[in-house]
Amino acid sequence: NIVLSRLACINKDTEALVKCWSRDTREDKAKDLVFEAKSPEMLKWLCDTLNHDSSALEVAANECFKHSSDEKDTKAIVDYIQMHGVPVSVLDNKALELALTVDSFAHKDEAKRILEERKNKKETTSSSS
């Protein structure tokens, strides 16, 4: 099922991806089934195909930020996730750092706070080791 869903993502095969998604009953299936979110267009396709499932949107947004190559793409990703209510807390550090570079990002204070908390937690964890 994972291989079929990844192939469906590569080929933008909506019907096949929907079938793979509906057959998989795991709670955390998005991390295995959402694949190739390397552009804002692919992010939109994946999320539209999977009816804006929150876990799919989270995985796709983080993956898309990893491949963001310019300000225009970063802004498009930020605009999309804001429009669909992706919580800032589900974004990984790279995604938050990129989002902070976009003027229209409405959650800058929250993103900065989350990054600081994660940094402090990491320092605390490494110093107690």
C-alpha atoms as a PDB file:
ATOM      1  CA  ASN A   1       0.000   0.000   0.000  1.00  0.00           C
ATOM      2  CA  ILE A   2       2.876   2.382   0.821  1.00  0.00           C
ATOM      3  CA  VAL A   3       4.587   1.740  -2.496  1.00  0.00           C
ATOM      4  CA  LEU A   4       1.324   2.173  -4.392  1.00  0.00           C
ATOM      5  CA  SER A   5       0.555   5.440  -2.634  1.00  0.00           C
ATOM      6  CA  ARG A   6       4.030   6.805  -3.316  1.00  0.00           C
ATOM      7  CA  LEU A   7       3.689   5.842  -6.965  1.00  0.00           C
ATOM      8  CA  ALA A   8       0.284   7.545  -7.014  1.00  0.00           C
ATOM      9  CA  CYS A   9       1.875  10.705  -5.600  1.00  0.00           C
ATOM     10  CA  ILE A  10       4.661  10.667  -8.181  1.00  0.00           C
ATOM     11  CA  ASN A  11       2.143  10.228 -11.005  1.00  0.00           C
ATOM     12  CA  LYS A  12      -0.464  12.532  -9.453  1.00  0.00           C
ATOM     13  CA  ASP A  13      -2.957   9.686  -9.703  1.00  0.00           C
ATOM     14  CA  THR A  14      -5.830  10.989  -7.613  1.00  0.00           C
ATOM     15  CA  GLU A  15      -7.931   7.829  -7.732  1.00  0.00           C
ATOM     16  CA  ALA A  16      -5.060   5.541  -6.712  1.00  0.00           C
ATOM     17  CA  LEU A  17      -3.988   7.793  -3.833  1.00  0.00           C
ATOM     18  CA  VAL A  18      -7.542   8.003  -2.506  1.00  0.00           C
ATOM     19  CA  LYS A  19      -7.813   4.197  -2.631  1.00  0.00           C
ATOM     20  CA  CYS A  20      -4.522   3.739  -0.790  1.00  0.00           C
ATOM     21  CA  TRP A  21      -5.528   6.327   1.795  1.00  0.00           C
ATOM     22  CA  SER A  22      -8.930   4.774   2.456  1.00  0.00           C
ATOM     23  CA  ARG A  23      -7.521   1.222   2.723  1.00  0.00           C
ATOM     24  CA  ASP A  24      -4.954   2.182   5.351  1.00  0.00           C
ATOM     25  CA  THR A  25      -6.521   2.255   8.804  1.00  0.00           C
ATOM     26  CA  ARG A  26      -3.464   3.392  10.773  1.00  0.00           C
ATOM     27  CA  GLU A  27      -3.701   6.664  12.690  1.00  0.00           C
ATOM     28  CA  ASP A  28      -0.243   7.759  11.543  1.00  0.00           C
ATOM     29  CA  LYS A  29      -0.554   6.775   7.885  1.00  0.00           C
ATOM     30  CA  ALA A  30       0.218  10.235   6.522  1.00  0.00           C
ATOM     31  CA  LYS A  31       3.949   9.955   7.198  1.00  0.00           C
ATOM     32  CA  ASP A  32       4.101   6.892   4.934  1.00  0.00           C
ATOM     33  CA  LEU A  33       1.505   7.749   2.316  1.00  0.00           C
ATOM     34  CA  VAL A  34       2.090  11.462   1.667  1.00  0.00           C
ATOM     35  CA  PHE A  35       5.047  11.731  -0.665  1.00  0.00           C
ATOM     36  CA  GLU A  36       6.673  14.117  -3.132  1.00  0.00           C
ATOM     37  CA  ALA A  37       5.326  17.345  -1.599  1.00  0.00           C
ATOM     38  CA  LYS A  38       8.177  19.317  -3.149  1.00  0.00           C
ATOM     39  CA  SER A  39       6.282  22.340  -4.423  1.00  0.00           C
ATOM     40  CA  PRO A  40       3.290  24.469  -3.459  1.00  0.00           C
ATOM     41  CA  GLU A  41       1.394  22.956  -6.406  1.00  0.00           C
ATOM     42  CA  MET A  42       2.036  19.422  -5.142  1.00  0.00           C
ATOM     43  CA  LEU A  43       1.069  20.470  -1.609  1.00  0.00           C
ATOM     44  CA  LYS A  44      -2.267  21.721  -2.945  1.00  0.00           C
ATOM     45  CA  TRP A  45      -2.825  18.591  -5.043  1.00  0.00           C
ATOM     46  CA  LEU A  46      -2.106  16.247  -2.133  1.00  0.00           C
ATOM     47  CA  CYS A  47      -4.311  18.137   0.276  1.00  0.00           C
ATOM     48  CA  ASP A  48      -7.167  18.547  -2.199  1.00  0.00           C
ATOM     49  CA  THR A  49      -6.961  14.845  -3.063  1.00  0.00           C
ATOM     50  CA  LEU A  50      -7.086  13.822   0.602  1.00  0.00           C
ATOM     51  CA  ASN A  51      -9.857  16.294   1.525  1.00  0.00           C
ATOM     52  CA  HIS A  52      -7.491  18.436   3.607  1.00  0.00           C
ATOM     53  CA  ASP A  53      -6.947  15.702   6.161  1.00  0.00           C
ATOM     54  CA  SER A  54      -5.082  17.413   9.003  1.00  0.00           C
ATOM     55  CA  SER A  55      -2.345  14.782   9.271  1.00  0.00           C
ATOM     56  CA  ALA A  56      -1.767  14.794   5.504  1.00  0.00           C
ATOM     57  CA  LEU A  57      -1.638  18.584   5.514  1.00  0.00           C
ATOM     58  CA  GLU A  58       0.898  18.569   8.359  1.00  0.00           C
ATOM     59  CA  VAL A  59       3.216  16.046   6.678  1.00  0.00           C
ATOM     60  CA  ALA A  60       2.892  17.658   3.250  1.00  0.00           C
ATOM     61  CA  ALA A  61       3.514  21.181   4.585  1.00  0.00           C
ATOM     62  CA  ASN A  62       6.658  20.168   6.460  1.00  0.00           C
ATOM     63  CA  GLU A  63       7.975  18.257   3.452  1.00  0.00           C
ATOM     64  CA  CYS A  64       7.171  21.152   1.157  1.00  0.00           C
ATOM     65  CA  PHE A  65       9.059  23.612   3.368  1.00  0.00           C
ATOM     66  CA  LYS A  66      12.102  21.298   3.215  1.00  0.00           C
ATOM     67  CA  HIS A  67      12.138  21.687  -0.564  1.00  0.00           C
ATOM     68  CA  SER A  68      11.238  25.358  -0.689  1.00  0.00           C
ATOM     69  CA  SER A  69      13.762  26.986  -2.976  1.00  0.00           C
ATOM     70  CA  ASP A  70      12.744  30.610  -3.096  1.00  0.00           C
ATOM     71  CA  GLU A  71      10.732  33.323  -1.395  1.00  0.00           C
ATOM     72  CA  LYS A  72       7.812  32.929  -3.790  1.00  0.00           C
ATOM     73  CA  ASP A  73       7.428  29.212  -2.927  1.00  0.00           C
ATOM     74  CA  THR A  74       7.807  29.887   0.784  1.00  0.00           C
ATOM     75  CA  LYS A  75       5.139  32.582   0.656  1.00  0.00           C
ATOM     76  CA  ALA A  76       2.794  30.278  -1.291  1.00  0.00           C
ATOM     77  CA  ILE A  77       3.247  27.538   1.313  1.00  0.00           C
ATOM     78  CA  VAL A  78       2.667  29.960   4.199  1.00  0.00           C
ATOM     79  CA  ASP A  79      -0.442  31.383   2.543  1.00  0.00           C
ATOM     80  CA  TYR A  80      -1.799  27.897   1.923  1.00  0.00           C
ATOM     81  CA  ILE A  81      -1.253  26.585   5.437  1.00  0.00           C
ATOM     82  CA  GLN A  82      -2.707  29.747   6.961  1.00  0.00           C
ATOM     83  CA  MET A  83      -5.776  29.486   4.721  1.00  0.00           C
ATOM     84  CA  HIS A  84      -6.306  25.889   5.891  1.00  0.00           C
ATOM     85  CA  GLY A  85      -5.632  26.484   9.585  1.00  0.00           C
ATOM     86  CA  VAL A  86      -2.511  24.391  10.057  1.00  0.00           C
ATOM     87  CA  PRO A  87      -1.443  24.862  13.677  1.00  0.00           C
ATOM     88  CA  VAL A  88       1.983  26.455  13.977  1.00  0.00           C
ATOM     89  CA  SER A  89       2.939  23.858  16.576  1.00  0.00           C
ATOM     90  CA  VAL A  90       2.916  21.005  14.025  1.00  0.00           C
ATOM     91  CA  LEU A  91       5.530  22.655  11.826  1.00  0.00           C
ATOM     92  CA  ASP A  92       9.096  21.500  12.265  1.00  0.00           C
ATOM     93  CA  ASN A  93      11.917  23.952  13.014  1.00  0.00           C
ATOM     94  CA  LYS A  94      12.993  24.469   9.395  1.00  0.00           C
ATOM     95  CA  ALA A  95       9.394  25.178   8.399  1.00  0.00           C
ATOM     96  CA  LEU A  96       8.981  27.683  11.228  1.00  0.00           C
ATOM     97  CA  GLU A  97      12.242  29.424  10.358  1.00  0.00           C
ATOM     98  CA  LEU A  98      11.205  29.741   6.710  1.00  0.00           C
ATOM     99  CA  ALA A  99       7.703  30.900   7.638  1.00  0.00           C
ATOM    100  CA  LEU A 100       9.206  33.661   9.772  1.00  0.00           C
ATOM    101  CA  THR A 101      10.825  35.120   6.636  1.00  0.00           C
ATOM    102  CA  VAL A 102       7.416  35.790   5.080  1.00  0.00           C
ATOM    103  CA  ASP A 103       5.951  39.201   5.911  1.00  0.00           C
ATOM    104  CA  SER A 104       2.359  37.949   5.688  1.00  0.00           C
ATOM    105  CA  PHE A 105       2.917  35.121   8.197  1.00  0.00           C
ATOM    106  CA  ALA A 106       0.404  35.938  10.896  1.00  0.00           C
ATOM    107  CA  HIS A 107       1.841  33.787  13.676  1.00  0.00           C
ATOM    108  CA  LYS A 108       5.364  35.133  14.031  1.00  0.00           C
ATOM    109  CA  ASP A 109       5.256  35.573  17.820  1.00  0.00           C
ATOM    110  CA  GLU A 110       3.943  32.050  18.325  1.00  0.00           C
ATOM    111  CA  ALA A 111       6.544  30.591  15.936  1.00  0.00           C
ATOM    112  CA  LYS A 112       9.370  32.399  17.725  1.00  0.00           C
ATOM    113  CA  ARG A 113       8.091  31.148  21.083  1.00  0.00           C
ATOM    114  CA  ILE A 114       7.875  27.558  19.821  1.00  0.00           C
ATOM    115  CA  LEU A 115      11.384  27.678  18.366  1.00  0.00           C
ATOM    116  CA  GLU A 116      12.737  29.063  21.650  1.00  0.00           C
ATOM    117  CA  GLU A 117      10.923  26.384  23.675  1.00  0.00           C
ATOM    118  CA  ARG A 118      12.286  23.635  21.419  1.00  0.00           C
ATOM    119  CA  LYS A 119      15.796  25.061  21.676  1.00  0.00           C
ATOM    120  CA  ASN A 120      15.565  25.241  25.483  1.00  0.00           C
ATOM    121  CA  LYS A 121      14.160  21.716  25.676  1.00  0.00           C
ATOM    122  CA  LYS A 122      16.978  20.401  23.488  1.00  0.00           C
ATOM    123  CA  GLU A 123      19.605  22.182  25.626  1.00  0.00           C
ATOM    124  CA  THR A 124      18.039  20.848  28.813  1.00  0.00           C
ATOM    125  CA  THR A 125      17.939  17.325  27.415  1.00  0.00           C
ATOM    126  CA  SER A 126      21.543  17.400  26.193  1.00  0.00           C
ATOM    127  CA  SER A 127      22.877  18.895  29.448  1.00  0.00           C
ATOM    128  CA  SER A 128      21.165  16.236  31.552  1.00  0.00           C
ATOM    129  CA  SER A 129      22.715  13.406  29.498  1.00  0.00           C
END
